[in-house]
């Protein structure tokens, strides 16, 4: 949103336009899932987080006209939800069989032709969460560094 003009999509969302919500879901759901999977390394958690973000998004529709960047807004919500889920997982771990190398799933499904995909998956899984988040938002979410900076509350150069 620039100046005082309201983005027509955000206005339609705020008004409860179901078609507008469907467009946003179609545009962002897959990107958000892949980013969540890279952050959380657990398919079910990633699916749950994306579903929660969209449920919260619908409930917050009255405030959507105040949103400046829809991508940054959704990925900020995704990041918060992923952090809550990661915290819950640390407190209540699941059996290792349930966490079966979903990071390898990310790389094998997204980069099928890469001869080093398993190694890359292990390397990405070994990164701290904050670094995985940045990679997930850039690669999986297609966010700019300015948007990532907005999500993280840092400058684009820091992102």
C-alpha atoms as a PDB file:
ATOM      1  CA  UNK A   1       0.000   0.000   0.000  1.00  0.00           C
ATOM      2  CA  UNK A   2       1.429   3.364  -0.982  1.00  0.00           C
ATOM      3  CA  UNK A   3       0.152   6.682   0.283  1.00  0.00           C
ATOM      4  CA  UNK A   4      -3.476   6.485   1.292  1.00  0.00           C
ATOM      5  CA  UNK A   5      -4.535   4.018  -1.438  1.00  0.00           C
ATOM      6  CA  UNK A   6      -5.779   0.690  -0.146  1.00  0.00           C
ATOM      7  CA  UNK A   7      -4.733  -2.439  -2.014  1.00  0.00           C
ATOM      8  CA  UNK A   8      -7.945  -3.770  -3.672  1.00  0.00           C
ATOM      9  CA  UNK A   9      -7.093  -7.347  -2.656  1.00  0.00           C
ATOM     10  CA  UNK A  10      -6.656  -6.341   0.993  1.00  0.00           C
ATOM     11  CA  UNK A  11      -9.915  -4.361   0.861  1.00  0.00           C
ATOM     12  CA  UNK A  12     -11.703  -7.425  -0.571  1.00  0.00           C
ATOM     13  CA  UNK A  13     -10.175  -9.615   2.137  1.00  0.00           C
ATOM     14  CA  UNK A  14     -11.235  -7.173   4.851  1.00  0.00           C
ATOM     15  CA  UNK A  15     -14.758  -7.242   3.438  1.00  0.00           C
ATOM     16  CA  UNK A  16     -14.804 -11.054   3.703  1.00  0.00           C
ATOM     17  CA  UNK A  17     -14.672 -11.789  -0.040  1.00  0.00           C
ATOM     18  CA  UNK A  18     -14.249 -15.576  -0.233  1.00  0.00           C
ATOM     19  CA  UNK A  19     -12.789 -15.375  -3.740  1.00  0.00           C
ATOM     20  CA  UNK A  20     -10.061 -13.042  -2.457  1.00  0.00           C
ATOM     21  CA  UNK A  21      -9.218 -15.508   0.334  1.00  0.00           C
ATOM     22  CA  UNK A  22      -9.063 -18.314  -2.238  1.00  0.00           C
ATOM     23  CA  UNK A  23      -6.640 -16.248  -4.361  1.00  0.00           C
ATOM     24  CA  UNK A  24      -4.396 -15.600  -1.364  1.00  0.00           C
ATOM     25  CA  UNK A  25      -4.464 -19.269  -0.374  1.00  0.00           C
ATOM     26  CA  UNK A  26      -3.652 -20.355  -3.926  1.00  0.00           C
ATOM     27  CA  UNK A  27      -0.816 -17.839  -4.164  1.00  0.00           C
ATOM     28  CA  UNK A  28       0.811 -18.467  -0.776  1.00  0.00           C
ATOM     29  CA  UNK A  29      -0.137 -21.860   0.701  1.00  0.00           C
ATOM     30  CA  UNK A  30       2.471 -23.977  -1.086  1.00  0.00           C
ATOM     31  CA  UNK A  31       5.258 -21.439  -0.476  1.00  0.00           C
ATOM     32  CA  UNK A  32       4.300 -21.232   3.178  1.00  0.00           C
ATOM     33  CA  UNK A  33       4.207 -25.017   3.511  1.00  0.00           C
ATOM     34  CA  UNK A  34       7.701 -25.446   2.049  1.00  0.00           C
ATOM     35  CA  UNK A  35       9.060 -22.667   4.233  1.00  0.00           C
ATOM     36  CA  UNK A  36       7.410 -24.165   7.330  1.00  0.00           C
ATOM     37  CA  UNK A  37       8.736 -27.619   6.474  1.00  0.00           C
ATOM     38  CA  UNK A  38      12.258 -26.260   6.114  1.00  0.00           C
ATOM     39  CA  UNK A  39      11.922 -24.412   9.448  1.00  0.00           C
ATOM     40  CA  UNK A  40      10.326 -27.248  11.400  1.00  0.00           C
ATOM     41  CA  UNK A  41      11.618 -30.365   9.594  1.00  0.00           C
ATOM     42  CA  UNK A  42       8.353 -32.155  10.262  1.00  0.00           C
ATOM     43  CA  UNK A  43       5.614 -32.465   7.647  1.00  0.00           C
ATOM     44  CA  UNK A  44       2.631 -32.629  10.021  1.00  0.00           C
ATOM     45  CA  UNK A  45       3.845 -29.623  11.998  1.00  0.00           C
ATOM     46  CA  UNK A  46       4.346 -27.660   8.764  1.00  0.00           C
ATOM     47  CA  UNK A  47       0.820 -28.493   7.593  1.00  0.00           C
ATOM     48  CA  UNK A  48      -0.635 -27.554  10.987  1.00  0.00           C
ATOM     49  CA  UNK A  49       1.258 -24.254  11.094  1.00  0.00           C
ATOM     50  CA  UNK A  50       0.081 -23.207   7.621  1.00  0.00           C
ATOM     51  CA  UNK A  51      -3.496 -24.131   8.475  1.00  0.00           C
ATOM     52  CA  UNK A  52      -3.276 -22.118  11.711  1.00  0.00           C
ATOM     53  CA  UNK A  53      -1.869 -19.078   9.900  1.00  0.00           C
ATOM     54  CA  UNK A  54      -4.732 -19.092   7.390  1.00  0.00           C
ATOM     55  CA  UNK A  55      -7.325 -19.582  10.137  1.00  0.00           C
ATOM     56  CA  UNK A  56      -5.859 -16.617  12.039  1.00  0.00           C
ATOM     57  CA  UNK A  57      -5.687 -14.645   8.791  1.00  0.00           C
ATOM     58  CA  UNK A  58      -9.419 -15.096   8.234  1.00  0.00           C
ATOM     59  CA  UNK A  59     -10.205 -14.124  11.829  1.00  0.00           C
ATOM     60  CA  UNK A  60      -8.069 -10.971  11.498  1.00  0.00           C
ATOM     61  CA  UNK A  61      -9.753  -9.827   8.275  1.00  0.00           C
ATOM     62  CA  UNK A  62     -11.021  -6.538   9.727  1.00  0.00           C
ATOM     63  CA  UNK A  63      -7.420  -5.393  10.275  1.00  0.00           C
ATOM     64  CA  UNK A  64      -6.138  -6.358   6.825  1.00  0.00           C
ATOM     65  CA  UNK A  65      -6.574  -2.888   5.350  1.00  0.00           C
ATOM     66  CA  UNK A  66      -3.726  -1.824   7.669  1.00  0.00           C
ATOM     67  CA  UNK A  67      -1.320  -4.337   6.088  1.00  0.00           C
ATOM     68  CA  UNK A  68       1.410  -2.830   3.898  1.00  0.00           C
ATOM     69  CA  UNK A  69       2.925  -6.028   2.477  1.00  0.00           C
ATOM     70  CA  UNK A  70       0.802  -9.177   2.343  1.00  0.00           C
ATOM     71  CA  UNK A  71       3.786 -11.502   1.821  1.00  0.00           C
ATOM     72  CA  UNK A  72       5.646 -10.083   4.809  1.00  0.00           C
ATOM     73  CA  UNK A  73       2.463 -10.197   6.919  1.00  0.00           C
ATOM     74  CA  UNK A  74       1.803 -13.871   6.127  1.00  0.00           C
ATOM     75  CA  UNK A  75       5.408 -14.949   6.610  1.00  0.00           C
ATOM     76  CA  UNK A  76       5.630 -13.026   9.891  1.00  0.00           C
ATOM     77  CA  UNK A  77       2.585 -14.965  11.031  1.00  0.00           C
ATOM     78  CA  UNK A  78       4.142 -18.196   9.760  1.00  0.00           C
ATOM     79  CA  UNK A  79       7.375 -17.500  11.616  1.00  0.00           C
ATOM     80  CA  UNK A  80       5.552 -16.830  14.911  1.00  0.00           C
ATOM     81  CA  UNK A  81       3.479 -20.002  14.523  1.00  0.00           C
ATOM     82  CA  UNK A  82       6.567 -22.049  13.637  1.00  0.00           C
ATOM     83  CA  UNK A  83       8.371 -20.747  16.733  1.00  0.00           C
ATOM     84  CA  UNK A  84       5.433 -21.752  18.936  1.00  0.00           C
ATOM     85  CA  UNK A  85       5.387 -25.204  17.372  1.00  0.00           C
ATOM     86  CA  UNK A  86       9.172 -25.613  17.694  1.00  0.00           C
ATOM     87  CA  UNK A  87       8.949 -24.608  21.369  1.00  0.00           C
ATOM     88  CA  UNK A  88       6.158 -27.128  21.923  1.00  0.00           C
ATOM     89  CA  UNK A  89       8.249 -29.822  20.184  1.00  0.00           C
ATOM     90  CA  UNK A  90      11.224 -29.116  22.445  1.00  0.00           C
ATOM     91  CA  UNK A  91       8.994 -29.487  25.518  1.00  0.00           C
ATOM     92  CA  UNK A  92       7.194 -32.572  24.193  1.00  0.00           C
ATOM     93  CA  UNK A  93       9.464 -34.381  21.714  1.00  0.00           C
ATOM     94  CA  UNK A  94       8.034 -37.012  19.411  1.00  0.00           C
ATOM     95  CA  UNK A  95       9.596 -40.347  18.578  1.00  0.00           C
ATOM     96  CA  UNK A  96      12.397 -40.197  16.013  1.00  0.00           C
ATOM     97  CA  UNK A  97      10.338 -42.321  13.634  1.00  0.00           C
ATOM     98  CA  UNK A  98       7.775 -39.499  13.419  1.00  0.00           C
ATOM     99  CA  UNK A  99      10.445 -36.959  12.462  1.00  0.00           C
ATOM    100  CA  UNK A 100      11.803 -39.086   9.626  1.00  0.00           C
ATOM    101  CA  UNK A 101      14.151 -36.829   7.645  1.00  0.00           C
ATOM    102  CA  UNK A 102      11.560 -34.406   6.345  1.00  0.00           C
ATOM    103  CA  UNK A 103      14.428 -32.052   5.482  1.00  0.00           C
ATOM    104  CA  UNK A 104      15.459 -34.630   2.890  1.00  0.00           C
ATOM    105  CA  UNK A 105      11.885 -34.575   1.602  1.00  0.00           C
ATOM    106  CA  UNK A 106      12.178 -30.816   1.098  1.00  0.00           C
ATOM    107  CA  UNK A 107      15.305 -31.099  -0.966  1.00  0.00           C
ATOM    108  CA  UNK A 108      14.295 -34.204  -2.914  1.00  0.00           C
ATOM    109  CA  UNK A 109      10.884 -32.829  -3.882  1.00  0.00           C
ATOM    110  CA  UNK A 110      12.093 -29.278  -4.599  1.00  0.00           C
ATOM    111  CA  UNK A 111      15.430 -30.086  -6.262  1.00  0.00           C
ATOM    112  CA  UNK A 112      14.905 -33.474  -7.894  1.00  0.00           C
ATOM    113  CA  UNK A 113      17.869 -33.193 -10.302  1.00  0.00           C
ATOM    114  CA  UNK A 114      20.444 -32.121  -7.732  1.00  0.00           C
ATOM    115  CA  UNK A 115      23.125 -34.803  -7.273  1.00  0.00           C
ATOM    116  CA  UNK A 116      23.931 -33.408  -3.824  1.00  0.00           C
ATOM    117  CA  UNK A 117      20.343 -33.083  -2.532  1.00  0.00           C
ATOM    118  CA  UNK A 118      20.777 -35.418   0.471  1.00  0.00           C
ATOM    119  CA  UNK A 119      23.964 -33.676   1.545  1.00  0.00           C
ATOM    120  CA  UNK A 120      22.310 -30.282   1.095  1.00  0.00           C
ATOM    121  CA  UNK A 121      19.338 -31.454   3.151  1.00  0.00           C
ATOM    122  CA  UNK A 122      21.627 -32.505   6.002  1.00  0.00           C
ATOM    123  CA  UNK A 123      23.520 -29.200   5.824  1.00  0.00           C
ATOM    124  CA  UNK A 124      20.311 -27.170   5.914  1.00  0.00           C
ATOM    125  CA  UNK A 125      18.976 -29.246   8.804  1.00  0.00           C
ATOM    126  CA  UNK A 126      22.175 -28.516  10.722  1.00  0.00           C
ATOM    127  CA  UNK A 127      21.720 -24.745  10.523  1.00  0.00           C
ATOM    128  CA  UNK A 128      20.288 -22.783  13.444  1.00  0.00           C
ATOM    129  CA  UNK A 129      16.564 -22.046  13.123  1.00  0.00           C
ATOM    130  CA  UNK A 130      17.044 -18.336  12.356  1.00  0.00           C
ATOM    131  CA  UNK A 131      19.303 -19.130   9.390  1.00  0.00           C
ATOM    132  CA  UNK A 132      16.899 -21.831   8.134  1.00  0.00           C
ATOM    133  CA  UNK A 133      14.085 -19.265   8.390  1.00  0.00           C
ATOM    134  CA  UNK A 134      15.930 -16.818   6.161  1.00  0.00           C
ATOM    135  CA  UNK A 135      16.700 -19.507   3.596  1.00  0.00           C
ATOM    136  CA  UNK A 136      13.102 -20.736   3.740  1.00  0.00           C
ATOM    137  CA  UNK A 137      11.658 -17.255   3.250  1.00  0.00           C
ATOM    138  CA  UNK A 138      14.043 -16.484   0.373  1.00  0.00           C
ATOM    139  CA  UNK A 139      14.010 -19.792  -1.484  1.00  0.00           C
ATOM    140  CA  UNK A 140      10.634 -21.283  -0.588  1.00  0.00           C
ATOM    141  CA  UNK A 141       8.671 -18.097   0.058  1.00  0.00           C
ATOM    142  CA  UNK A 142      10.159 -16.018  -2.776  1.00  0.00           C
ATOM    143  CA  UNK A 143      10.436 -13.035  -0.428  1.00  0.00           C
ATOM    144  CA  UNK A 144      12.811 -10.186  -1.148  1.00  0.00           C
ATOM    145  CA  UNK A 145      15.470  -9.300   1.393  1.00  0.00           C
ATOM    146  CA  UNK A 146      13.443  -6.173   2.185  1.00  0.00           C
ATOM    147  CA  UNK A 147      10.430  -8.384   3.013  1.00  0.00           C
ATOM    148  CA  UNK A 148      12.580 -10.785   5.024  1.00  0.00           C
ATOM    149  CA  UNK A 149      13.994  -7.808   6.910  1.00  0.00           C
ATOM    150  CA  UNK A 150      10.443  -6.661   7.674  1.00  0.00           C
ATOM    151  CA  UNK A 151       9.504 -10.133   8.926  1.00  0.00           C
ATOM    152  CA  UNK A 152      12.593 -10.341  11.140  1.00  0.00           C
ATOM    153  CA  UNK A 153      12.590  -6.694  12.198  1.00  0.00           C
ATOM    154  CA  UNK A 154      16.069  -6.103  10.740  1.00  0.00           C
ATOM    155  CA  UNK A 155      17.472  -4.172   7.795  1.00  0.00           C
ATOM    156  CA  UNK A 156      17.418  -5.812   4.344  1.00  0.00           C
ATOM    157  CA  UNK A 157      21.231  -5.889   4.418  1.00  0.00           C
ATOM    158  CA  UNK A 158      21.213  -7.774   7.706  1.00  0.00           C
ATOM    159  CA  UNK A 159      18.704 -10.249   6.271  1.00  0.00           C
END
